[in-house]
Amino acid sequence: MTDLRAEIEHRLRRLLTDPESAGDTADWAMATMEGDAPELEDETVWNALDRLGGADLKTGTGTFLHGEADFRAWLTEFQDGVAPR
């Protein structure tokens, strides 16, 4: 597992235990997507970063679009290396 893949998995797991980390996680994902890491060519890595980049989206004041069920599904998809549904 590359360092980037390990960091993605770490951040996905962190969202499950610390949903308040969504803002930091989204910022990290967006910055990472602008980089030039060779792992960004990996569709599974790119899709996970894309999802993480929206981890802090809100549908209203204090109401988040994504929650534990989403984060768990994202983690499973990343671990299984499958395309998002």
Protein backbone atom coordinates (compact mmCIF):
# COMPACT_ATOMS: atom_id res chain seq x y z
CA MET A 1 0.00 0.00 0.00
CA THR A 2 1.41 3.37 -0.96
CA ASP A 3 1.61 6.21 1.51
CA LEU A 4 -1.25 8.01 -0.23
CA ARG A 5 -3.46 4.92 -0.11
CA ALA A 6 -2.64 4.51 3.59
CA GLU A 7 -3.48 8.16 4.27
CA ILE A 8 -6.79 7.87 2.41
CA GLU A 9 -7.75 4.82 4.44
CA HIS A 10 -6.70 6.57 7.65
CA ARG A 11 -8.83 9.60 6.82
CA LEU A 12 -11.84 7.46 5.91
CA ARG A 13 -11.55 5.60 9.24
CA ARG A 14 -11.14 8.89 11.08
CA LEU A 15 -14.41 10.20 9.63
CA LEU A 16 -16.17 7.23 11.23
CA THR A 17 -14.84 8.05 14.69
CA ASP A 18 -14.53 11.83 14.33
CA PRO A 19 -17.12 13.23 11.91
CA GLU A 20 -16.03 16.75 12.88
CA SER A 21 -12.79 16.09 10.96
CA ALA A 22 -14.77 16.33 7.69
CA GLY A 23 -13.64 19.90 7.00
CA ASP A 24 -9.95 19.15 7.43
CA THR A 25 -10.33 15.93 5.46
CA ALA A 26 -12.08 17.68 2.57
CA ASP A 27 -9.40 20.38 2.45
CA TRP A 28 -6.65 17.74 2.46
CA ALA A 29 -8.33 15.74 -0.32
CA MET A 30 -8.81 18.76 -2.57
CA ALA A 31 -5.18 19.85 -2.10
CA THR A 32 -3.97 16.32 -2.76
CA MET A 33 -5.95 16.11 -6.00
CA GLU A 34 -4.07 19.19 -7.23
CA GLY A 35 -0.73 17.45 -6.70
CA ASP A 36 1.31 15.30 -9.02
CA ALA A 37 1.56 12.04 -7.08
CA PRO A 38 1.67 9.08 -9.46
CA GLU A 39 -1.03 7.39 -7.38
CA LEU A 40 -3.52 9.97 -8.66
CA GLU A 41 -3.63 7.94 -11.88
CA ASP A 42 -5.23 5.10 -9.90
CA GLU A 43 -9.00 5.33 -10.36
CA THR A 44 -9.69 3.97 -6.88
CA VAL A 45 -7.43 6.61 -5.30
CA TRP A 46 -8.93 9.41 -7.41
CA ASN A 47 -12.52 8.38 -6.62
CA ALA A 48 -11.78 8.17 -2.90
CA LEU A 49 -10.20 11.63 -2.94
CA ASP A 50 -13.16 12.98 -4.88
CA ARG A 51 -15.54 11.63 -2.25
CA LEU A 52 -13.40 12.89 0.61
CA GLY A 53 -13.33 16.32 -1.03
CA GLY A 54 -17.09 16.51 -0.45
CA ALA A 55 -17.09 15.06 3.06
CA ASP A 56 -17.99 18.42 4.57
CA LEU A 57 -20.83 19.39 2.22
CA LYS A 58 -23.95 20.68 3.94
CA THR A 59 -27.59 20.61 2.93
CA GLY A 60 -28.42 23.41 5.33
CA THR A 61 -27.19 25.13 8.43
CA GLY A 62 -25.53 22.46 10.54
CA THR A 63 -26.92 19.62 8.41
CA PHE A 64 -24.33 17.56 6.59
CA LEU A 65 -25.02 15.80 3.31
CA HIS A 66 -22.89 12.79 4.24
CA GLY A 67 -22.76 10.80 7.44
CA GLU A 68 -21.54 7.56 8.97
CA ALA A 69 -23.29 5.28 6.47
CA ASP A 70 -21.70 7.18 3.57
CA PHE A 71 -18.25 7.17 5.17
CA ARG A 72 -18.51 3.44 5.85
CA ALA A 73 -19.54 2.77 2.23
CA TRP A 74 -16.68 4.92 0.94
CA LEU A 75 -14.21 2.98 3.08
CA THR A 76 -15.55 -0.35 1.85
CA GLU A 77 -15.43 0.79 -1.78
CA PHE A 78 -11.87 2.01 -1.34
CA GLN A 79 -10.73 -1.19 0.33
CA ASP A 80 -12.42 -3.30 -2.34
CA GLY A 81 -11.10 -1.07 -5.13
CA VAL A 82 -14.50 -0.70 -6.76
CA ALA A 83 -15.93 2.24 -8.67
CA PRO A 84 -18.43 4.43 -6.81
CA ARG A 85 -22.08 3.50 -7.15
